Amino acid sequence: MGVTTVVVCTSRIAGVAVISVNHPPVNALSQAVRTGLLEAVARADADPSVRAIVILCQGRTFIASADMTEFDRAPQPPHLPELTQRIEDAGKPVVAALHGTALGGGFEIALACHYRIATPDVKVGLPEVKLGLMPGAGGTQRLPRLVGFARALAMITGGEPVSARDALAAGAIDEIAPDELEAAAVAAAQRLIGAAGAPRRTGALAIAAPDPALFAEAEKSVVGKQRHLIAPPACIKALQAAATLPLAQGLARERELFLDLRASPQAAALRHAFLGEREVGHVPGLPPEAPVRQIAQVAVIGAGTMGGGIAMCFANAGIPVALLEAQAENLERGLQAIRRKILRPHHDTLIAPLNRRLFPVWQPPGRQHARH
């Protein structure tokens, strides 16, 4: 097989089609990637000489996100649910080979595959809720079929990624690769070929009925912790659909809820904040190859609101900070404010790191400084 698109290529290893995504820096699910994957999977599935398929990514990570630049434009086909359904419907075993982070739509692609193998340091998850969204390509319907409703609720409404070890224990992945990932994924595909039988489709797995109190508790938790967010309740509704509806109807309900969230002002605001935070890390005119200066220690003059906030930022990043003030009482007042802000939610875990990183200095006018 040859190149399918610029960003998606296919090679052949002993009857296994290895479909590779190369769309740096994070292999985001752009229209080109979706198109390339859809064409490559369809081509491999139709090729009688191909007996199994592996999907992997080049670079530092598996598919780590959707293409955020597409969210404020009219959606362009193929849409992600079409791709995940085509992968799941393949007549040959499809193995997802995960490394780096498999998040959001990337993890939904992995869930649609028939087998998931990962490096020991991989992180997987569905963090859409943090952007005012929810999984929209089968995540709410397939994940509970693998890990159960309690774990799926926690992963989807909380949005935190989980480690390879935790994902394996929960059933979200099937194997941790002991050695080189591509070779291990091809070996897994060949084992599936040898096992014969139909591929293990996640959407066809039996789903255990959840405890009736589970969703009520989840709703109560959301009201208590995420009252201002509209995405977590929508996630719960989609998971309730997984518990009560056939897969096709559950997927349709998920998509309906996803599109409502995508069009919401809250999701637009959270996307704007997310992209803004990423943009501040790019200095206009600074070439990527510019050397990075290592910061070993920082001095902050003034322990007031702004100085204390700057000192906290560096201390939280693990960089030692010398905080200087001209008046001893002002220095002590600033230190007390820092301790209140940092230690209030995490007293036991942060007091020792704070003491190791923050060095208060009293600098009386006209005199050499003295440690306080």
Protein backbone atom coordinates (compact mmCIF):
# COMPACT_ATOMS: atom_id res chain seq x y z
CA MET A 1 0.00 0.00 0.00
CA GLY A 2 1.17 3.54 -0.63
CA VAL A 3 0.62 6.91 0.93
CA THR A 4 -3.03 7.73 1.64
CA THR A 5 -2.57 11.41 2.49
CA VAL A 6 0.32 13.61 3.54
CA VAL A 7 -0.47 13.05 7.24
CA VAL A 8 -1.58 9.38 7.14
CA CYS A 9 0.54 6.61 5.64
CA THR A 10 0.14 2.83 5.47
CA SER A 11 2.83 0.16 5.45
CA ARG A 12 2.62 -3.64 5.52
CA ILE A 13 4.21 -6.08 7.99
CA ALA A 14 3.41 -9.78 7.46
CA GLY A 15 -0.23 -9.32 6.54
CA VAL A 16 -0.81 -6.48 9.02
CA ALA A 17 -1.56 -3.01 7.67
CA VAL A 18 0.15 -0.43 9.89
CA ILE A 19 -1.64 2.91 9.56
CA SER A 20 0.51 5.75 10.84
CA VAL A 21 -0.54 9.34 11.64
CA ASN A 22 2.12 12.03 11.38
CA HIS A 23 0.59 15.42 12.15
CA PRO A 24 2.85 17.21 14.66
CA PRO A 25 2.98 18.45 17.29
CA VAL A 26 0.18 16.40 18.92
CA ASN A 27 -1.38 14.55 15.95
CA ALA A 28 -4.59 16.52 16.38
CA LEU A 29 -7.68 15.19 14.62
CA SER A 30 -7.80 17.71 11.79
CA GLN A 31 -9.97 17.15 8.74
CA ALA A 32 -6.91 15.84 6.88
CA VAL A 33 -6.20 13.30 9.62
CA ARG A 34 -9.84 12.17 9.78
CA THR A 35 -9.98 11.82 6.00
CA GLY A 36 -6.69 9.96 5.84
CA LEU A 37 -7.63 7.54 8.61
CA LEU A 38 -11.07 6.85 7.14
CA GLU A 39 -9.62 6.12 3.70
CA ALA A 40 -6.76 4.02 5.08
CA VAL A 41 -9.04 1.87 7.26
CA ALA A 42 -11.51 1.34 4.41
CA ARG A 43 -8.71 0.43 2.00
CA ALA A 44 -7.10 -2.02 4.41
CA ASP A 45 -10.44 -3.58 5.30
CA ALA A 46 -11.20 -4.18 1.62
CA ASP A 47 -7.76 -5.60 0.78
CA PRO A 48 -7.89 -9.43 0.92
CA SER A 49 -4.15 -9.62 1.59
CA VAL A 50 -4.54 -7.63 4.81
CA ARG A 51 -5.62 -9.73 7.79
CA ALA A 52 -5.40 -7.16 10.59
CA ILE A 53 -4.85 -3.42 11.10
CA VAL A 54 -2.73 -1.39 13.53
CA ILE A 55 -3.31 2.34 14.09
CA LEU A 56 -0.39 4.26 15.60
CA CYS A 57 1.14 7.72 15.56
CA GLN A 58 4.56 9.16 14.91
CA GLY A 59 6.18 11.75 17.14
CA ARG A 60 5.78 12.21 20.85
CA THR A 61 2.17 11.14 21.25
CA PHE A 62 -0.87 9.30 19.99
CA ILE A 63 -3.77 11.53 18.90
CA ALA A 64 -3.91 13.93 21.85
CA SER A 65 -6.83 16.19 20.95
CA ALA A 66 -9.26 17.44 18.40
CA ASP A 67 -8.16 20.29 16.16
CA MET A 68 -9.29 23.22 18.32
CA THR A 69 -9.06 25.63 15.40
CA GLU A 70 -11.99 23.84 13.73
CA PHE A 71 -14.47 24.35 16.56
CA ASP A 72 -15.45 27.87 15.56
CA ARG A 73 -15.98 26.93 11.92
CA ALA A 74 -18.69 24.90 10.23
CA PRO A 75 -17.89 21.20 10.75
CA GLN A 76 -16.29 19.56 7.72
CA PRO A 77 -16.71 15.88 6.84
CA PRO A 78 -15.76 13.27 7.62
CA HIS A 79 -17.01 13.76 11.16
CA LEU A 80 -15.35 11.87 13.98
CA PRO A 81 -18.36 9.60 14.75
CA GLU A 82 -18.24 8.37 11.15
CA LEU A 83 -14.58 7.46 11.59
CA THR A 84 -14.99 5.70 14.93
CA GLN A 85 -17.95 3.72 13.64
CA ARG A 86 -16.03 2.67 10.52
CA ILE A 87 -13.14 1.45 12.68
CA GLU A 88 -15.44 -0.53 14.96
CA ASP A 89 -17.32 -2.02 11.99
CA ALA A 90 -14.13 -3.26 10.29
CA GLY A 91 -14.25 -6.94 9.45
CA LYS A 92 -10.62 -7.44 10.52
CA PRO A 93 -9.08 -6.90 13.96
CA VAL A 94 -8.00 -3.29 14.53
CA VAL A 95 -5.35 -2.62 17.19
CA ALA A 96 -4.69 0.84 18.66
CA ALA A 97 -1.05 1.39 19.66
CA LEU A 98 -0.98 4.19 22.22
CA HIS A 99 1.91 6.29 23.49
CA GLY A 100 2.24 9.72 25.04
CA THR A 101 -1.33 10.86 25.62
CA ALA A 102 -4.46 9.41 24.02
CA LEU A 103 -7.05 12.01 24.93
CA GLY A 104 -10.46 13.14 23.75
CA GLY A 105 -11.13 12.07 20.19
CA GLY A 106 -7.87 10.13 20.18
CA PHE A 107 -9.07 7.96 23.02
CA GLU A 108 -12.47 7.61 21.33
CA ILE A 109 -10.66 6.20 18.29
CA ALA A 110 -8.84 3.77 20.60
CA LEU A 111 -12.14 2.74 22.22
CA ALA A 112 -13.55 1.99 18.76
CA CYS A 113 -10.63 -0.31 17.98
CA HIS A 114 -10.89 -3.98 18.90
CA TYR A 115 -7.73 -4.10 21.02
CA ARG A 116 -5.67 -1.43 22.80
CA ILE A 117 -1.96 -1.75 23.60
CA ALA A 118 0.03 1.05 25.24
CA THR A 119 3.45 2.06 26.46
CA PRO A 120 3.92 1.99 30.26
CA ASP A 121 3.94 5.79 30.52
CA VAL A 122 0.83 6.51 28.48
CA LYS A 123 -2.04 8.67 29.76
CA VAL A 124 -5.57 8.10 28.47
CA GLY A 125 -8.76 10.00 29.12
CA LEU A 126 -11.71 12.08 27.99
CA PRO A 127 -11.03 15.66 29.18
CA GLU A 128 -13.67 17.41 27.04
CA VAL A 129 -15.64 18.53 30.12
CA LYS A 130 -12.84 20.97 30.94
CA LEU A 131 -13.60 22.82 27.71
CA GLY A 132 -17.34 22.89 28.27
CA LEU A 133 -17.86 19.85 26.06
CA MET A 134 -18.34 16.10 26.34
CA PRO A 135 -17.19 13.12 24.26
CA GLY A 136 -19.08 13.24 20.97
CA ALA A 137 -17.83 10.20 19.03
CA GLY A 138 -18.86 7.27 21.20
CA GLY A 139 -16.82 7.87 24.34
CA THR A 140 -19.84 7.94 26.67
CA GLN A 141 -21.26 4.79 25.08
CA ARG A 142 -18.14 2.63 24.68
CA LEU A 143 -16.14 3.46 27.82
CA PRO A 144 -18.76 2.13 30.29
CA ARG A 145 -18.88 -1.12 28.32
CA LEU A 146 -15.19 -1.58 29.15
CA VAL A 147 -14.77 -0.11 32.64
CA GLY A 148 -18.29 -0.01 34.11
CA PHE A 149 -20.45 3.00 34.86
CA ALA A 150 -18.84 4.12 38.11
CA ARG A 151 -15.39 4.46 36.57
CA ALA A 152 -16.77 5.93 33.34
CA LEU A 153 -18.67 8.59 35.31
CA ALA A 154 -15.53 9.56 37.20
CA MET A 155 -13.36 9.73 34.06
CA ILE A 156 -15.86 11.64 31.92
CA THR A 157 -17.34 14.13 34.41
CA GLY A 158 -13.95 14.75 36.03
CA GLY A 159 -11.92 14.83 32.83
CA GLU A 160 -8.68 13.68 34.43
CA PRO A 161 -6.43 11.29 32.46
CA VAL A 162 -5.43 7.95 33.96
CA SER A 163 -2.15 6.07 33.83
CA ALA A 164 -1.47 2.96 31.77
CA ARG A 165 -1.51 0.82 34.91
CA ASP A 166 -4.88 2.18 36.06
CA ALA A 167 -6.34 1.93 32.55
CA LEU A 168 -5.24 -1.70 32.30
CA ALA A 169 -6.69 -2.56 35.70
CA ALA A 170 -9.99 -0.90 34.79
CA GLY A 171 -10.22 -2.58 31.37
CA ALA A 172 -9.81 0.57 29.26
CA ILE A 173 -6.71 -0.92 27.60
CA ASP A 174 -5.82 -4.57 27.03
CA GLU A 175 -2.03 -4.71 27.26
CA ILE A 176 1.03 -2.70 28.23
CA ALA A 177 3.81 -3.15 25.69
CA PRO A 178 6.96 -4.54 27.30
CA ASP A 179 9.23 -3.39 24.46
CA GLU A 180 9.02 -1.44 21.20
CA LEU A 181 5.40 -0.37 20.67
CA GLU A 182 4.99 -0.98 16.93
CA ALA A 183 6.45 -4.48 17.11
CA ALA A 184 4.28 -5.29 20.14
CA ALA A 185 1.16 -3.97 18.37
CA VAL A 186 1.88 -6.04 15.25
CA ALA A 187 2.42 -9.11 17.44
CA ALA A 188 -0.91 -8.45 19.15
CA ALA A 189 -2.61 -8.14 15.75
CA GLN A 190 -1.11 -11.44 14.64
CA ARG A 191 -2.37 -13.12 17.82
CA LEU A 192 -5.86 -11.85 17.02
CA ILE A 193 -5.53 -13.25 13.49
CA GLY A 194 -4.58 -16.62 14.95
CA ALA A 195 -7.54 -16.57 17.33
CA ALA A 196 -9.93 -16.29 14.37
CA GLY A 197 -13.52 -15.33 15.07
CA ALA A 198 -15.11 -11.90 14.70
CA PRO A 199 -13.35 -8.82 16.05
CA ARG A 200 -14.22 -7.85 19.65
CA ARG A 201 -16.30 -4.74 19.03
CA THR A 202 -16.60 -2.53 22.09
CA GLY A 203 -20.08 -1.34 21.17
CA ALA A 204 -21.33 -4.93 21.02
CA LEU A 205 -20.16 -5.81 24.52
CA ALA A 206 -22.77 -6.56 27.14
CA ILE A 207 -23.27 -3.66 29.51
CA ALA A 208 -24.02 -4.31 33.16
CA ALA A 209 -26.97 -2.39 34.58
CA PRO A 210 -25.69 0.28 37.00
CA ASP A 211 -26.83 0.74 40.57
CA PRO A 212 -29.92 3.00 40.41
CA ALA A 213 -28.35 5.30 43.00
CA LEU A 214 -25.18 5.81 40.94
CA PHE A 215 -26.50 8.52 38.65
CA ALA A 216 -28.32 10.29 41.48
CA GLU A 217 -25.06 10.45 43.43
CA ALA A 218 -23.22 11.72 40.35
CA GLU A 219 -25.80 14.47 39.85
CA LYS A 220 -25.51 15.45 43.52
CA SER A 221 -21.73 15.59 43.23
CA VAL A 222 -21.91 17.77 40.13
CA VAL A 223 -24.27 20.20 41.83
CA GLY A 224 -21.90 20.44 44.78
CA LYS A 225 -18.59 20.74 42.92
CA GLN A 226 -19.36 21.94 39.37
CA ARG A 227 -22.54 23.93 39.84
CA HIS A 228 -21.56 26.60 37.32
CA LEU A 229 -20.72 24.15 34.50
CA ILE A 230 -23.26 22.84 31.99
CA ALA A 231 -21.13 20.03 30.54
CA PRO A 232 -21.03 17.60 33.52
CA PRO A 233 -24.84 17.16 33.67
CA ALA A 234 -24.86 16.53 29.91
CA CYS A 235 -22.19 13.86 30.38
CA ILE A 236 -24.39 12.15 32.97
CA LYS A 237 -27.38 12.22 30.59
CA ALA A 238 -25.28 10.60 27.86
CA LEU A 239 -24.12 7.86 30.24
CA GLN A 240 -27.72 7.28 31.30
CA ALA A 241 -28.50 6.78 27.61
CA ALA A 242 -25.76 4.14 27.48
CA ALA A 243 -27.46 2.35 30.37
CA THR A 244 -30.94 2.40 28.89
CA LEU A 245 -30.73 2.56 25.09
CA PRO A 246 -29.32 0.33 22.32
CA LEU A 247 -25.93 1.48 21.04
CA ALA A 248 -27.19 3.28 17.93
CA GLN A 249 -29.75 5.28 19.91
CA GLY A 250 -27.22 5.99 22.65
CA LEU A 251 -24.75 7.32 20.09
CA ALA A 252 -27.45 9.55 18.60
CA ARG A 253 -28.32 10.93 22.04
CA GLU A 254 -24.65 11.54 22.79
CA ARG A 255 -24.21 13.44 19.53
CA GLU A 256 -27.28 15.57 20.21
CA LEU A 257 -25.97 16.56 23.64
CA PHE A 258 -22.48 17.20 22.25
CA LEU A 259 -23.70 19.53 19.52
CA ASP A 260 -25.78 21.51 22.04
CA LEU A 261 -22.71 21.99 24.22
CA ARG A 262 -20.48 22.86 21.28
CA ALA A 263 -22.83 25.71 20.35
CA SER A 264 -23.00 27.08 23.92
CA PRO A 265 -21.38 30.39 24.96
CA GLN A 266 -19.76 28.61 27.92
CA ALA A 267 -17.90 26.18 25.68
CA ALA A 268 -16.79 29.04 23.43
CA ALA A 269 -15.48 30.95 26.45
CA LEU A 270 -13.58 27.95 27.82
CA ARG A 271 -12.03 27.26 24.39
CA HIS A 272 -10.97 30.89 24.18
CA ALA A 273 -9.33 30.68 27.60
CA PHE A 274 -7.59 27.41 26.71
CA LEU A 275 -6.19 28.73 23.43
CA GLY A 276 -5.18 31.98 25.11
CA GLU A 277 -3.20 30.13 27.77
CA ARG A 278 -1.39 28.20 25.07
CA GLU A 279 -0.70 31.33 23.03
CA VAL A 280 1.11 33.14 25.84
CA GLY A 281 3.83 30.52 25.61
CA HIS A 282 4.68 31.68 22.08
CA VAL A 283 6.80 34.81 21.79
CA PRO A 284 6.27 36.57 18.41
CA GLY A 285 9.43 36.56 16.34
CA LEU A 286 11.25 34.06 18.56
CA PRO A 287 12.46 31.13 16.46
CA PRO A 288 11.73 27.61 17.75
CA GLU A 289 15.44 26.79 17.84
CA ALA A 290 16.25 29.68 20.20
CA PRO A 291 18.19 28.43 23.23
CA VAL A 292 16.26 28.19 26.47
CA ARG A 293 17.85 29.74 29.54
CA GLN A 294 17.58 27.57 32.64
CA ILE A 295 16.23 29.47 35.65
CA ALA A 296 17.88 28.30 38.86
CA GLN A 297 16.60 30.96 41.28
CA VAL A 298 14.37 34.03 41.23
CA ALA A 299 14.35 37.20 43.32
CA VAL A 300 11.10 39.15 43.74
CA ILE A 301 11.22 42.69 45.15
CA GLY A 302 8.13 43.50 47.15
CA ALA A 303 5.86 41.13 49.07
CA GLY A 304 2.60 42.84 48.28
CA THR A 305 -0.28 41.43 46.23
CA MET A 306 1.61 41.37 42.94
CA GLY A 307 4.99 40.38 44.34
CA GLY A 308 3.49 37.65 46.49
CA GLY A 309 1.57 36.28 43.52
CA ILE A 310 4.70 36.19 41.36
CA ALA A 311 6.62 34.48 44.16
CA MET A 312 3.89 31.83 44.50
CA CYS A 313 3.97 31.09 40.77
CA PHE A 314 7.69 30.38 40.81
CA ALA A 315 7.57 28.43 44.09
CA ASN A 316 4.74 26.27 42.74
CA ALA A 317 6.88 25.58 39.66
CA GLY A 318 9.66 24.29 41.91
CA ILE A 319 11.99 27.27 41.47
CA PRO A 320 13.59 28.74 44.62
CA VAL A 321 12.44 32.31 45.28
CA ALA A 322 14.07 35.07 47.34
CA LEU A 323 11.33 37.50 48.41
CA LEU A 324 12.74 40.93 49.37
CA GLU A 325 11.09 43.72 51.39
CA ALA A 326 12.32 46.95 52.94
CA GLN A 327 10.08 46.65 56.02
CA ALA A 328 10.07 43.56 58.21
CA GLU A 329 6.37 43.89 58.99
CA ASN A 330 5.50 44.10 55.29
CA LEU A 331 7.56 40.98 54.63
CA GLU A 332 5.77 39.07 57.38
CA ARG A 333 2.38 40.26 56.16
CA GLY A 334 3.19 39.09 52.63
CA LEU A 335 4.37 35.70 53.87
CA GLN A 336 1.19 35.20 55.86
CA ALA A 337 -0.90 36.00 52.78
CA ILE A 338 1.09 33.51 50.70
CA ARG A 339 0.65 30.79 53.30
CA ARG A 340 -3.09 31.40 53.49
CA LYS A 341 -3.53 31.21 49.72
CA ILE A 342 -1.32 28.19 49.10
CA LEU A 343 -1.96 26.14 52.19
CA ARG A 344 -5.70 26.52 52.61
CA PRO A 345 -6.70 23.63 50.28
CA HIS A 346 -3.52 21.57 50.57
CA HIS A 347 -1.98 22.33 53.98
CA ASP A 348 -0.14 19.08 54.64
CA THR A 349 1.15 18.51 51.13
CA LEU A 350 2.41 22.02 50.34
CA ILE A 351 3.88 23.42 53.55
CA ALA A 352 7.18 21.53 53.21
CA PRO A 353 7.71 22.37 49.49
CA LEU A 354 6.86 26.01 50.22
CA ASN A 355 9.42 26.22 53.03
CA ARG A 356 12.07 24.67 50.78
CA ARG A 357 11.47 27.06 47.88
CA LEU A 358 10.64 30.45 49.47
CA PHE A 359 13.43 32.44 51.12
CA PRO A 360 12.13 35.64 52.76
CA VAL A 361 14.70 38.45 52.93
CA TRP A 362 14.39 41.68 54.91
CA GLN A 363 16.36 44.46 53.23
CA PRO A 364 16.38 47.60 55.44
CA PRO A 365 17.18 50.71 53.41
CA GLY A 366 20.93 51.37 53.22
CA ARG A 367 21.94 48.12 54.92
CA GLN A 368 23.01 44.68 53.76
CA HIS A 369 20.14 42.23 53.62
CA ALA A 370 19.53 39.71 56.39
CA ARG A 371 17.69 36.41 56.22
CA HIS A 372 14.42 36.59 58.12
